[in-house]
């Protein structure tokens, strides 16, 4: 694998890609978490998805071992695995490649056509979870505050979405550290969603037009 795209990009953005062997070694340090379908990972400079690709492959292996005998559960938990992955990337070509790489892995695993509702639902999820923006500034490329969708699988084909602002999550993480003035607070007091949506199935996710937000309740 080539570790740089150009000297200019290294100079301008410090862009250097992590080799596959190092990605595997680093992920093995948290092997159990990478193999949990519902464990969430955020890569704040995700590039074309070297880490996220490997994590998704591990999650899908778990899906296959647990739900391979049920096509319904296999499909839904595979999508849930995608829903647990997050990234932020400044460069346009990288974020496009990252979304495409993860979508291709899911498509190959489930043998999806681009017209399949699950393919379209996953495409939408990836537009929400993989953000074109600046992780340090916590802003999208258009200057908006970065907001992430937290997805939960409720079972029976229904997914729950709650939105959280990245700056609030970062602040809350610091508040909850041991020794912090706010360490006594429960999660329900720290992590307040910016928006909560009604449960959705794959068809409803697939029918969301482009990046348009679905109607929900705050």
N, C-alpha and C. Protein backbone atom coordinates (compact mmCIF):
# COMPACT_ATOMS: atom_id res chain seq x y z
N UNK A 1 0.83 -1.19 0.00
CA UNK A 1 0.00 0.00 0.00
C UNK A 1 0.87 1.25 0.00
N UNK A 2 0.53 2.22 -0.83
CA UNK A 2 1.24 3.50 -0.85
C UNK A 2 0.80 4.34 0.34
N UNK A 3 1.75 4.85 1.12
CA UNK A 3 1.43 5.54 2.35
C UNK A 3 1.17 7.03 2.17
N UNK A 4 1.46 7.56 1.00
CA UNK A 4 1.17 8.97 0.72
C UNK A 4 0.61 9.09 -0.69
N UNK A 5 -0.20 10.14 -0.92
CA UNK A 5 -0.72 10.41 -2.26
C UNK A 5 0.14 11.42 -2.99
N UNK A 6 0.68 12.37 -2.24
CA UNK A 6 1.59 13.34 -2.85
C UNK A 6 2.37 14.04 -1.75
N UNK A 7 3.54 14.56 -2.11
CA UNK A 7 4.35 15.31 -1.14
C UNK A 7 3.62 16.57 -0.70
N UNK A 8 2.84 17.15 -1.63
CA UNK A 8 2.10 18.37 -1.30
C UNK A 8 1.08 18.12 -0.21
N UNK A 9 0.39 16.98 -0.30
CA UNK A 9 -0.62 16.67 0.70
C UNK A 9 0.01 16.37 2.06
N UNK A 10 1.19 15.77 2.06
CA UNK A 10 1.90 15.54 3.31
C UNK A 10 2.27 16.88 3.93
N UNK A 11 2.77 17.79 3.10
CA UNK A 11 3.19 19.10 3.61
C UNK A 11 2.00 19.94 4.06
N UNK A 12 0.92 19.92 3.29
CA UNK A 12 -0.22 20.79 3.58
C UNK A 12 -1.12 20.25 4.68
N UNK A 13 -1.27 18.92 4.73
CA UNK A 13 -2.25 18.33 5.65
C UNK A 13 -1.67 17.27 6.57
N UNK A 14 -0.37 16.97 6.46
CA UNK A 14 0.21 15.92 7.28
C UNK A 14 -0.38 14.55 6.97
N UNK A 15 -0.78 14.35 5.71
CA UNK A 15 -1.46 13.12 5.33
C UNK A 15 -0.48 11.97 5.08
N UNK A 16 -0.53 10.98 5.96
CA UNK A 16 0.24 9.74 5.79
C UNK A 16 -0.67 8.60 6.21
N UNK A 17 -0.83 7.58 5.37
CA UNK A 17 -1.73 6.48 5.65
C UNK A 17 -1.04 5.39 6.46
N UNK A 18 -1.78 4.79 7.37
CA UNK A 18 -1.25 3.72 8.23
C UNK A 18 -1.24 2.40 7.46
N UNK A 19 -0.10 1.70 7.43
CA UNK A 19 -0.04 0.42 6.70
C UNK A 19 -0.94 -0.63 7.34
N UNK A 20 -1.41 -1.58 6.52
CA UNK A 20 -2.38 -2.59 6.97
C UNK A 20 -1.87 -3.39 8.16
N UNK A 21 -0.59 -3.78 8.16
CA UNK A 21 -0.07 -4.59 9.26
C UNK A 21 -0.13 -3.84 10.59
N UNK A 22 0.11 -2.53 10.54
CA UNK A 22 0.07 -1.73 11.76
C UNK A 22 -1.37 -1.53 12.24
N UNK A 23 -2.29 -1.36 11.27
CA UNK A 23 -3.71 -1.24 11.62
C UNK A 23 -4.16 -2.50 12.37
N UNK A 24 -3.82 -3.67 11.82
CA UNK A 24 -4.20 -4.94 12.45
C UNK A 24 -3.60 -5.06 13.84
N UNK A 25 -2.34 -4.70 13.99
CA UNK A 25 -1.67 -4.80 15.29
C UNK A 25 -2.32 -3.88 16.32
N UNK A 26 -2.67 -2.67 15.90
CA UNK A 26 -3.29 -1.71 16.82
C UNK A 26 -4.69 -2.17 17.22
N UNK A 27 -5.45 -2.68 16.26
CA UNK A 27 -6.80 -3.14 16.56
C UNK A 27 -6.79 -4.38 17.45
N UNK A 28 -5.75 -5.19 17.32
CA UNK A 28 -5.65 -6.37 18.17
C UNK A 28 -5.48 -6.01 19.64
N UNK A 29 -5.05 -4.78 19.91
CA UNK A 29 -4.92 -4.33 21.30
C UNK A 29 -6.29 -4.20 21.97
N UNK A 30 -7.32 -4.01 21.14
CA UNK A 30 -8.70 -3.94 21.65
C UNK A 30 -9.55 -4.94 20.87
N UNK A 31 -9.02 -6.12 20.69
CA UNK A 31 -9.62 -7.13 19.83
C UNK A 31 -11.09 -7.41 20.17
N UNK A 32 -11.38 -7.57 21.45
CA UNK A 32 -12.74 -7.87 21.85
C UNK A 32 -13.73 -6.81 21.44
N UNK A 33 -13.34 -5.55 21.55
CA UNK A 33 -14.22 -4.44 21.18
C UNK A 33 -14.43 -4.39 19.67
N UNK A 34 -13.37 -4.66 18.91
CA UNK A 34 -13.50 -4.60 17.45
C UNK A 34 -14.42 -5.69 16.91
N UNK A 35 -14.62 -6.74 17.68
CA UNK A 35 -15.46 -7.85 17.24
C UNK A 35 -16.87 -7.77 17.78
N UNK A 36 -17.16 -6.77 18.60
CA UNK A 36 -18.52 -6.55 19.10
C UNK A 36 -19.31 -5.76 18.07
N UNK A 37 -20.47 -6.23 17.72
CA UNK A 37 -21.26 -5.57 16.68
C UNK A 37 -21.66 -4.16 17.11
N UNK A 38 -21.98 -3.97 18.38
CA UNK A 38 -22.52 -2.69 18.83
C UNK A 38 -21.47 -1.72 19.38
N UNK A 39 -20.20 -2.11 19.41
CA UNK A 39 -19.18 -1.20 19.93
C UNK A 39 -18.92 -0.08 18.92
N UNK A 40 -18.86 1.15 19.40
CA UNK A 40 -18.74 2.31 18.51
C UNK A 40 -17.30 2.78 18.42
N UNK A 41 -16.88 3.13 17.21
CA UNK A 41 -15.53 3.62 16.95
C UNK A 41 -15.62 4.93 16.18
N UNK A 42 -14.83 5.91 16.60
CA UNK A 42 -14.70 7.18 15.88
C UNK A 42 -13.26 7.38 15.48
N UNK A 43 -13.02 7.55 14.18
CA UNK A 43 -11.68 7.86 13.66
C UNK A 43 -11.71 9.33 13.23
N UNK A 44 -11.06 10.23 14.00
CA UNK A 44 -11.17 11.67 13.73
C UNK A 44 -10.40 12.15 12.51
N UNK A 45 -9.55 11.32 11.94
CA UNK A 45 -8.88 11.63 10.68
C UNK A 45 -8.88 10.34 9.88
N UNK A 46 -10.05 9.97 9.37
CA UNK A 46 -10.26 8.60 8.89
C UNK A 46 -9.66 8.30 7.53
N UNK A 47 -9.22 9.33 6.79
CA UNK A 47 -8.64 9.09 5.48
C UNK A 47 -9.60 8.31 4.60
N UNK A 48 -9.11 7.28 3.94
CA UNK A 48 -9.96 6.45 3.09
C UNK A 48 -10.52 5.24 3.85
N UNK A 49 -10.28 5.20 5.17
CA UNK A 49 -10.95 4.20 6.00
C UNK A 49 -10.14 2.98 6.38
N UNK A 50 -8.81 3.10 6.44
CA UNK A 50 -7.98 1.92 6.75
C UNK A 50 -8.40 1.24 8.05
N UNK A 51 -8.63 2.01 9.09
CA UNK A 51 -9.04 1.43 10.37
C UNK A 51 -10.50 0.98 10.32
N UNK A 52 -11.37 1.82 9.81
CA UNK A 52 -12.79 1.50 9.80
C UNK A 52 -13.10 0.28 8.94
N UNK A 53 -12.38 0.12 7.85
CA UNK A 53 -12.57 -1.05 6.98
C UNK A 53 -12.26 -2.33 7.75
N UNK A 54 -11.15 -2.36 8.45
CA UNK A 54 -10.75 -3.55 9.19
C UNK A 54 -11.73 -3.83 10.33
N UNK A 55 -12.20 -2.78 10.99
CA UNK A 55 -13.16 -2.98 12.08
C UNK A 55 -14.47 -3.54 11.54
N UNK A 56 -14.94 -3.01 10.41
CA UNK A 56 -16.19 -3.52 9.83
C UNK A 56 -16.04 -4.99 9.44
N UNK A 57 -14.92 -5.36 8.89
CA UNK A 57 -14.71 -6.76 8.52
C UNK A 57 -14.77 -7.67 9.75
N UNK A 58 -14.22 -7.21 10.86
CA UNK A 58 -14.28 -7.99 12.09
C UNK A 58 -15.71 -8.09 12.61
N UNK A 59 -16.43 -7.00 12.55
CA UNK A 59 -17.81 -7.00 13.00
C UNK A 59 -18.67 -7.94 12.14
N UNK A 60 -18.45 -7.92 10.84
CA UNK A 60 -19.24 -8.77 9.95
C UNK A 60 -18.92 -10.25 10.17
N UNK A 61 -17.70 -10.54 10.57
CA UNK A 61 -17.36 -11.92 10.91
C UNK A 61 -18.15 -12.37 12.14
N UNK A 62 -18.35 -11.45 13.08
CA UNK A 62 -19.17 -11.76 14.25
C UNK A 62 -20.63 -11.94 13.85
N UNK A 63 -21.11 -11.07 12.97
CA UNK A 63 -22.49 -11.19 12.47
C UNK A 63 -22.70 -12.58 11.86
N UNK A 64 -21.74 -13.00 11.06
CA UNK A 64 -21.87 -14.29 10.38
C UNK A 64 -21.89 -15.44 11.38
N UNK A 65 -21.03 -15.37 12.39
CA UNK A 65 -20.97 -16.47 13.36
C UNK A 65 -22.21 -16.52 14.25
N UNK A 66 -22.81 -15.37 14.52
CA UNK A 66 -23.97 -15.34 15.41
C UNK A 66 -25.32 -15.45 14.69
N UNK A 67 -25.39 -14.84 13.50
CA UNK A 67 -26.69 -14.72 12.84
C UNK A 67 -26.70 -15.26 11.40
N UNK A 68 -25.66 -15.99 11.04
CA UNK A 68 -25.54 -16.48 9.67
C UNK A 68 -26.67 -17.38 9.21
N UNK A 69 -27.38 -17.99 10.15
CA UNK A 69 -28.46 -18.91 9.78
C UNK A 69 -29.80 -18.20 9.56
N UNK A 70 -29.87 -16.93 9.90
CA UNK A 70 -31.10 -16.15 9.72
C UNK A 70 -30.81 -14.98 8.81
N UNK A 71 -31.36 -15.00 7.59
CA UNK A 71 -31.09 -13.92 6.65
C UNK A 71 -31.59 -12.58 7.18
N UNK A 72 -32.74 -12.59 7.85
CA UNK A 72 -33.31 -11.35 8.41
C UNK A 72 -32.36 -10.75 9.43
N UNK A 73 -31.93 -11.54 10.41
CA UNK A 73 -31.04 -11.03 11.45
C UNK A 73 -29.68 -10.68 10.88
N UNK A 74 -29.20 -11.49 9.97
CA UNK A 74 -27.89 -11.26 9.34
C UNK A 74 -27.86 -9.89 8.66
N UNK A 75 -28.89 -9.58 7.91
CA UNK A 75 -28.95 -8.31 7.19
C UNK A 75 -29.05 -7.13 8.15
N UNK A 76 -29.89 -7.26 9.16
CA UNK A 76 -30.10 -6.14 10.08
C UNK A 76 -28.89 -5.91 10.98
N UNK A 77 -28.27 -6.98 11.46
CA UNK A 77 -27.10 -6.78 12.31
C UNK A 77 -25.88 -6.34 11.51
N UNK A 78 -25.82 -6.71 10.24
CA UNK A 78 -24.75 -6.20 9.38
C UNK A 78 -24.87 -4.69 9.23
N UNK A 79 -26.09 -4.21 9.00
CA UNK A 79 -26.30 -2.76 8.91
C UNK A 79 -25.99 -2.09 10.25
N UNK A 80 -26.36 -2.74 11.35
CA UNK A 80 -26.07 -2.19 12.67
C UNK A 80 -24.56 -2.07 12.88
N UNK A 81 -23.79 -3.01 12.34
CA UNK A 81 -22.33 -2.92 12.42
C UNK A 81 -21.82 -1.68 11.71
N UNK A 82 -22.38 -1.39 10.55
CA UNK A 82 -22.02 -0.16 9.82
C UNK A 82 -22.40 1.07 10.64
N UNK A 83 -23.55 1.00 11.27
CA UNK A 83 -24.05 2.14 12.05
C UNK A 83 -23.16 2.50 13.23
N UNK A 84 -22.31 1.57 13.65
CA UNK A 84 -21.47 1.80 14.83
C UNK A 84 -20.14 2.47 14.49
N UNK A 85 -19.90 2.74 13.21
CA UNK A 85 -18.61 3.30 12.78
C UNK A 85 -18.75 4.77 12.39
N UNK A 86 -17.80 5.58 12.85
CA UNK A 86 -17.85 7.03 12.64
C UNK A 86 -16.49 7.53 12.18
N UNK A 87 -16.50 8.58 11.39
CA UNK A 87 -15.25 9.16 10.94
C UNK A 87 -15.41 10.62 10.58
N UNK A 88 -14.31 11.34 10.66
CA UNK A 88 -14.24 12.74 10.22
C UNK A 88 -13.03 12.84 9.31
N UNK A 89 -13.18 13.50 8.19
CA UNK A 89 -12.07 13.65 7.25
C UNK A 89 -12.17 14.99 6.54
N UNK A 90 -11.02 15.67 6.44
CA UNK A 90 -10.98 17.01 5.86
C UNK A 90 -10.97 17.00 4.34
N UNK A 91 -10.31 16.02 3.73
CA UNK A 91 -10.11 16.02 2.29
C UNK A 91 -11.25 15.31 1.56
N UNK A 92 -11.74 15.94 0.51
CA UNK A 92 -12.94 15.49 -0.19
C UNK A 92 -12.79 14.10 -0.77
N UNK A 93 -11.67 13.84 -1.46
CA UNK A 93 -11.52 12.53 -2.09
C UNK A 93 -11.42 11.41 -1.06
N UNK A 94 -10.81 11.71 0.09
CA UNK A 94 -10.68 10.69 1.12
C UNK A 94 -12.03 10.30 1.72
N UNK A 95 -12.86 11.27 2.05
CA UNK A 95 -14.15 10.95 2.67
C UNK A 95 -15.04 10.21 1.68
N UNK A 96 -14.94 10.55 0.40
CA UNK A 96 -15.71 9.84 -0.62
C UNK A 96 -15.26 8.39 -0.72
N UNK A 97 -13.94 8.18 -0.72
CA UNK A 97 -13.40 6.82 -0.78
C UNK A 97 -13.76 6.02 0.47
N UNK A 98 -13.72 6.66 1.62
CA UNK A 98 -14.02 5.97 2.85
C UNK A 98 -15.46 5.45 2.85
N UNK A 99 -16.39 6.30 2.48
CA UNK A 99 -17.80 5.87 2.40
C UNK A 99 -17.96 4.73 1.41
N UNK A 100 -17.32 4.87 0.25
CA UNK A 100 -17.43 3.84 -0.78
C UNK A 100 -16.81 2.52 -0.33
N UNK A 101 -15.68 2.59 0.36
CA UNK A 101 -15.01 1.37 0.81
C UNK A 101 -15.88 0.58 1.79
N UNK A 102 -16.48 1.28 2.75
CA UNK A 102 -17.32 0.60 3.72
C UNK A 102 -18.59 0.05 3.06
N UNK A 103 -19.16 0.82 2.16
CA UNK A 103 -20.36 0.37 1.47
C UNK A 103 -20.06 -0.86 0.61
N UNK A 104 -18.91 -0.89 -0.03
CA UNK A 104 -18.53 -2.03 -0.86
C UNK A 104 -18.35 -3.30 -0.02
N UNK A 105 -17.77 -3.15 1.17
CA UNK A 105 -17.58 -4.32 2.03
C UNK A 105 -18.93 -4.90 2.45
N UNK A 106 -19.85 -4.03 2.85
CA UNK A 106 -21.18 -4.50 3.22
C UNK A 106 -21.89 -5.13 2.04
N UNK A 107 -21.77 -4.50 0.88
CA UNK A 107 -22.45 -4.99 -0.33
C UNK A 107 -21.94 -6.37 -0.73
N UNK A 108 -20.63 -6.55 -0.65
CA UNK A 108 -20.05 -7.84 -1.01
C UNK A 108 -20.47 -8.92 0.00
N UNK A 109 -20.51 -8.56 1.26
CA UNK A 109 -20.88 -9.53 2.29
C UNK A 109 -22.34 -10.00 2.11
N UNK A 110 -23.24 -9.07 1.81
CA UNK A 110 -24.66 -9.41 1.69
C UNK A 110 -25.11 -9.58 0.24
N UNK A 111 -24.17 -9.42 -0.71
CA UNK A 111 -24.50 -9.55 -2.13
C UNK A 111 -25.62 -8.59 -2.52
N UNK A 112 -25.42 -7.31 -2.22
CA UNK A 112 -26.44 -6.30 -2.45
C UNK A 112 -26.28 -5.63 -3.81
N UNK A 113 -27.39 -5.34 -4.45
CA UNK A 113 -27.40 -4.49 -5.64
C UNK A 113 -27.62 -3.05 -5.17
N UNK A 114 -27.23 -2.10 -6.00
CA UNK A 114 -27.38 -0.69 -5.61
C UNK A 114 -28.84 -0.28 -5.47
N UNK A 115 -29.75 -1.06 -6.03
CA UNK A 115 -31.17 -0.76 -5.91
C UNK A 115 -31.81 -1.36 -4.67
N UNK A 116 -31.07 -2.21 -3.95
CA UNK A 116 -31.58 -2.86 -2.75
C UNK A 116 -31.82 -1.82 -1.65
N UNK A 117 -32.93 -1.94 -0.93
CA UNK A 117 -33.22 -1.00 0.15
C UNK A 117 -32.11 -0.96 1.19
N UNK A 118 -31.51 -2.10 1.48
CA UNK A 118 -30.45 -2.15 2.47
C UNK A 118 -29.22 -1.39 1.99
N UNK A 119 -28.90 -1.50 0.72
CA UNK A 119 -27.79 -0.75 0.14
C UNK A 119 -28.04 0.75 0.29
N UNK A 120 -29.24 1.18 -0.05
CA UNK A 120 -29.59 2.60 0.00
C UNK A 120 -29.64 3.10 1.44
N UNK A 121 -30.11 2.24 2.36
CA UNK A 121 -30.13 2.61 3.77
C UNK A 121 -28.71 2.78 4.29
N UNK A 122 -27.82 1.86 3.93
CA UNK A 122 -26.43 1.94 4.36
C UNK A 122 -25.75 3.18 3.78
N UNK A 123 -26.07 3.50 2.53
CA UNK A 123 -25.53 4.70 1.91
C UNK A 123 -25.91 5.94 2.73
N UNK A 124 -27.17 6.00 3.13
CA UNK A 124 -27.63 7.14 3.93
C UNK A 124 -26.91 7.18 5.28
N UNK A 125 -26.82 6.05 5.94
CA UNK A 125 -26.16 5.99 7.24
C UNK A 125 -24.72 6.50 7.13
N UNK A 126 -24.03 6.09 6.09
CA UNK A 126 -22.63 6.50 5.92
C UNK A 126 -22.49 7.99 5.64
N UNK A 127 -23.50 8.60 4.99
CA UNK A 127 -23.44 10.05 4.80
C UNK A 127 -23.58 10.79 6.12
N UNK A 128 -24.23 10.15 7.09
CA UNK A 128 -24.40 10.76 8.41
C UNK A 128 -23.23 10.47 9.33
N UNK A 129 -22.70 9.25 9.27
CA UNK A 129 -21.66 8.83 10.20
C UNK A 129 -20.26 9.24 9.79
N UNK A 130 -20.02 9.37 8.49
CA UNK A 130 -18.69 9.77 7.99
C UNK A 130 -18.79 11.21 7.51
N UNK A 131 -18.22 12.10 8.29
CA UNK A 131 -18.43 13.54 8.12
C UNK A 131 -17.26 14.19 7.39
N UNK A 132 -17.59 14.99 6.39
CA UNK A 132 -16.59 15.80 5.70
C UNK A 132 -16.39 17.07 6.51
N UNK A 133 -15.30 17.11 7.27
CA UNK A 133 -15.10 18.26 8.14
C UNK A 133 -13.75 18.24 8.84
N UNK A 134 -13.62 19.11 9.83
CA UNK A 134 -12.37 19.31 10.57
C UNK A 134 -12.60 18.87 12.01
N UNK A 135 -11.95 17.79 12.43
CA UNK A 135 -12.16 17.25 13.77
C UNK A 135 -11.65 18.22 14.84
N UNK A 136 -10.57 18.94 14.57
CA UNK A 136 -10.03 19.87 15.56
C UNK A 136 -10.97 21.03 15.81
N UNK A 137 -11.55 21.56 14.73
CA UNK A 137 -12.50 22.67 14.85
C UNK A 137 -13.89 22.18 15.23
N UNK A 138 -14.12 20.87 15.09
CA UNK A 138 -15.43 20.26 15.34
C UNK A 138 -16.52 20.90 14.47
N UNK A 139 -16.13 21.17 13.21
CA UNK A 139 -17.04 21.78 12.24
C UNK A 139 -17.00 20.99 10.93
N UNK A 140 -18.15 20.97 10.25
CA UNK A 140 -18.18 20.37 8.92
C UNK A 140 -17.47 21.28 7.95
N UNK A 141 -17.29 20.79 6.72
CA UNK A 141 -16.59 21.58 5.70
C UNK A 141 -17.35 22.86 5.37
N UNK A 142 -18.66 22.87 5.64
CA UNK A 142 -19.48 24.07 5.40
C UNK A 142 -19.58 24.97 6.62
N UNK A 143 -18.90 24.59 7.71
CA UNK A 143 -18.85 25.44 8.89
C UNK A 143 -19.89 25.12 9.95
N UNK A 144 -20.72 24.11 9.72
CA UNK A 144 -21.72 23.73 10.71
C UNK A 144 -21.09 22.91 11.84
N UNK A 145 -21.73 22.90 13.00
CA UNK A 145 -21.26 22.07 14.09
C UNK A 145 -21.43 20.59 13.71
N UNK A 146 -20.42 19.80 14.00
CA UNK A 146 -20.51 18.37 13.69
C UNK A 146 -21.49 17.69 14.65
N UNK A 147 -22.45 17.00 14.08
CA UNK A 147 -23.44 16.23 14.85
C UNK A 147 -23.40 14.79 14.36
N UNK A 148 -23.35 13.87 15.31
CA UNK A 148 -23.34 12.46 14.97
C UNK A 148 -24.66 11.80 15.34
N UNK A 149 -25.06 10.84 14.52
CA UNK A 149 -26.25 10.05 14.79
C UNK A 149 -25.86 8.81 15.57
N UNK A 150 -26.45 8.62 16.74
CA UNK A 150 -26.28 7.37 17.49
C UNK A 150 -27.42 6.44 17.07
N UNK A 151 -27.06 5.25 16.59
CA UNK A 151 -28.04 4.29 16.12
C UNK A 151 -28.15 3.14 17.10
N UNK A 152 -29.35 2.74 17.39
CA UNK A 152 -29.58 1.55 18.20
C UNK A 152 -30.49 0.59 17.46
N UNK A 153 -30.25 -0.70 17.61
CA UNK A 153 -31.13 -1.69 16.99
C UNK A 153 -32.12 -2.17 18.04
N UNK A 154 -33.39 -1.94 17.80
CA UNK A 154 -34.44 -2.27 18.75
C UNK A 154 -34.96 -3.70 18.57
N UNK A 155 -34.49 -4.35 17.51
CA UNK A 155 -35.01 -5.68 17.19
C UNK A 155 -36.21 -5.58 16.26
N UNK A 156 -36.57 -6.71 15.67
CA UNK A 156 -37.72 -6.80 14.77
C UNK A 156 -37.65 -5.80 13.62
N UNK A 157 -36.42 -5.50 13.18
CA UNK A 157 -36.22 -4.65 12.00
C UNK A 157 -36.31 -3.16 12.24
N UNK A 158 -36.31 -2.71 13.48
CA UNK A 158 -36.46 -1.29 13.79
C UNK A 158 -35.16 -0.72 14.38
N UNK A 159 -34.79 0.47 13.88
CA UNK A 159 -33.61 1.18 14.36
C UNK A 159 -34.02 2.51 15.00
N UNK A 160 -33.35 2.87 16.08
CA UNK A 160 -33.59 4.14 16.77
C UNK A 160 -32.41 5.08 16.54
N UNK A 161 -32.71 6.32 16.20
CA UNK A 161 -31.66 7.31 15.99
C UNK A 161 -31.80 8.45 16.98
N UNK A 162 -30.64 8.83 17.57
CA UNK A 162 -30.56 10.03 18.40
C UNK A 162 -29.33 10.82 17.95
N UNK A 163 -29.44 12.11 17.83
CA UNK A 163 -28.34 12.95 17.38
C UNK A 163 -27.66 13.63 18.56
N UNK A 164 -26.32 13.67 18.51
CA UNK A 164 -25.53 14.33 19.54
C UNK A 164 -24.50 15.24 18.87
N UNK A 165 -24.32 16.43 19.41
CA UNK A 165 -23.27 17.32 18.92
C UNK A 165 -21.92 16.85 19.42
N UNK A 166 -20.93 16.86 18.53
CA UNK A 166 -19.59 16.38 18.89
C UNK A 166 -19.00 17.19 20.03
N UNK A 167 -19.16 18.50 20.03
CA UNK A 167 -18.56 19.31 21.09
C UNK A 167 -19.16 18.97 22.45
N UNK A 168 -20.46 18.64 22.47
CA UNK A 168 -21.09 18.25 23.74
C UNK A 168 -20.57 16.91 24.21
N UNK A 169 -20.37 15.98 23.28
CA UNK A 169 -19.85 14.66 23.64
C UNK A 169 -18.43 14.78 24.20
N UNK A 170 -17.61 15.62 23.58
CA UNK A 170 -16.23 15.80 24.04
C UNK A 170 -16.22 16.42 25.43
N UNK A 171 -17.07 17.41 25.63
CA UNK A 171 -17.15 18.08 26.92
C UNK A 171 -17.67 17.11 27.98
N UNK A 172 -18.66 16.33 27.63
CA UNK A 172 -19.25 15.38 28.57
C UNK A 172 -18.26 14.30 28.96
N UNK A 173 -17.43 13.89 27.99
CA UNK A 173 -16.42 12.87 28.27
C UNK A 173 -15.45 13.36 29.34
N UNK A 174 -15.05 14.64 29.25
CA UNK A 174 -14.15 15.21 30.24
C UNK A 174 -14.83 15.32 31.60
N UNK A 175 -16.12 15.68 31.59
CA UNK A 175 -16.85 15.83 32.84
C UNK A 175 -16.96 14.51 33.61
N UNK A 176 -17.02 13.39 32.86
CA UNK A 176 -17.27 12.10 33.50
C UNK A 176 -16.00 11.41 33.99
N UNK A 177 -14.84 12.03 33.77
CA UNK A 177 -13.59 11.42 34.21
C UNK A 177 -13.53 11.35 35.74
N UNK A 178 -12.84 10.34 36.26
CA UNK A 178 -12.66 10.21 37.70
C UNK A 178 -11.98 11.46 38.24
N UNK A 179 -12.49 11.95 39.36
CA UNK A 179 -11.90 13.13 39.96
C UNK A 179 -12.49 14.42 39.46
N UNK A 180 -13.30 14.34 38.40
CA UNK A 180 -13.92 15.54 37.86
C UNK A 180 -15.03 16.01 38.80
N UNK A 181 -15.28 17.29 38.79
CA UNK A 181 -16.37 17.87 39.56
C UNK A 181 -17.70 17.26 39.18
N UNK A 182 -17.80 16.77 37.92
CA UNK A 182 -19.06 16.24 37.40
C UNK A 182 -19.09 14.72 37.36
N UNK A 183 -18.10 14.06 37.98
CA UNK A 183 -18.00 12.61 37.86
C UNK A 183 -19.19 11.88 38.48
N UNK A 184 -19.90 12.55 39.41
CA UNK A 184 -21.03 11.91 40.08
C UNK A 184 -22.28 11.89 39.20
N UNK A 185 -22.28 12.63 38.12
CA UNK A 185 -23.48 12.71 37.28
C UNK A 185 -23.68 11.41 36.52
N UNK A 186 -24.92 11.02 36.36
CA UNK A 186 -25.26 9.85 35.56
C UNK A 186 -25.24 10.19 34.09
N UNK A 187 -25.18 9.15 33.24
CA UNK A 187 -25.15 9.38 31.80
C UNK A 187 -26.38 10.13 31.32
N UNK A 188 -27.51 9.88 31.97
CA UNK A 188 -28.74 10.55 31.53
C UNK A 188 -28.67 12.05 31.75
N UNK A 189 -27.78 12.50 32.68
CA UNK A 189 -27.63 13.92 32.93
C UNK A 189 -26.56 14.55 32.05
N UNK A 190 -25.63 13.75 31.58
CA UNK A 190 -24.51 14.27 30.79
C UNK A 190 -24.82 14.24 29.29
N UNK A 191 -25.28 13.09 28.81
CA UNK A 191 -25.45 12.92 27.38
C UNK A 191 -26.90 13.21 26.98
N UNK A 192 -27.15 14.44 26.62
CA UNK A 192 -28.49 14.86 26.21
C UNK A 192 -28.52 14.98 24.69
N UNK A 193 -29.35 14.18 24.02
CA UNK A 193 -29.39 14.26 22.55
C UNK A 193 -29.95 15.58 22.06
N UNK A 194 -29.40 16.05 20.94
CA UNK A 194 -29.92 17.26 20.30
C UNK A 194 -31.26 16.98 19.62
N UNK A 195 -31.47 15.72 19.22
CA UNK A 195 -32.71 15.35 18.56
C UNK A 195 -32.91 13.85 18.66
N UNK A 196 -34.17 13.45 18.80
CA UNK A 196 -34.54 12.04 18.84
C UNK A 196 -35.54 11.79 17.72
N UNK A 197 -35.35 10.69 17.00
CA UNK A 197 -36.21 10.36 15.87
C UNK A 197 -37.10 9.16 16.20
N UNK A 198 -38.18 9.07 15.49
CA UNK A 198 -39.05 7.91 15.62
C UNK A 198 -38.32 6.68 15.06
N UNK A 199 -38.57 5.48 15.61
CA UNK A 199 -37.94 4.27 15.08
C UNK A 199 -38.20 4.11 13.59
N UNK A 200 -37.19 3.60 12.87
CA UNK A 200 -37.27 3.45 11.42
C UNK A 200 -36.83 2.06 11.02
N UNK A 201 -37.40 1.55 9.93
CA UNK A 201 -36.94 0.28 9.36
C UNK A 201 -36.05 0.55 8.16
N UNK A 202 -35.54 -0.49 7.55
CA UNK A 202 -34.61 -0.33 6.43
C UNK A 202 -35.27 0.41 5.27
N UNK A 203 -36.50 0.08 4.96
CA UNK A 203 -37.19 0.75 3.86
C UNK A 203 -37.29 2.27 4.11
N UNK A 204 -37.63 2.64 5.33
CA UNK A 204 -37.76 4.06 5.65
C UNK A 204 -36.42 4.77 5.58
N UNK A 205 -35.35 4.12 6.03
CA UNK A 205 -34.02 4.72 5.91
C UNK A 205 -33.62 4.87 4.44
N UNK A 206 -33.96 3.87 3.64
CA UNK A 206 -33.61 3.90 2.22
C UNK A 206 -34.31 5.01 1.47
N UNK A 207 -35.49 5.39 1.94
CA UNK A 207 -36.30 6.37 1.22
C UNK A 207 -36.01 7.80 1.61
N UNK A 208 -35.08 8.00 2.58
CA UNK A 208 -34.67 9.36 2.91
C UNK A 208 -33.92 9.93 1.72
N UNK A 209 -34.32 11.08 1.27
CA UNK A 209 -33.78 11.68 0.05
C UNK A 209 -32.43 12.33 0.30
N UNK A 210 -31.38 11.69 -0.21
CA UNK A 210 -30.02 12.27 -0.11
C UNK A 210 -29.64 12.48 1.33
N UNK A 211 -29.19 13.70 1.67
CA UNK A 211 -28.78 13.99 3.01
C UNK A 211 -29.86 14.66 3.83
N UNK A 212 -31.10 14.65 3.32
CA UNK A 212 -32.19 15.33 4.02
C UNK A 212 -32.52 14.61 5.32
N UNK A 213 -32.74 15.36 6.39
CA UNK A 213 -33.07 14.76 7.66
C UNK A 213 -34.48 14.21 7.67
N UNK A 214 -34.66 13.10 8.37
CA UNK A 214 -36.00 12.55 8.52
C UNK A 214 -36.73 13.31 9.61
N UNK A 215 -38.03 13.27 9.52
CA UNK A 215 -38.86 13.96 10.50
C UNK A 215 -38.85 13.18 11.80
N UNK A 216 -38.60 13.85 12.89
CA UNK A 216 -38.59 13.18 14.17
C UNK A 216 -39.05 14.12 15.27
N UNK A 217 -38.84 13.71 16.50
CA UNK A 217 -39.26 14.54 17.63
C UNK A 217 -38.05 14.92 18.46
N UNK A 218 -38.02 16.13 18.93
CA UNK A 218 -36.91 16.61 19.74
C UNK A 218 -37.14 16.24 21.21
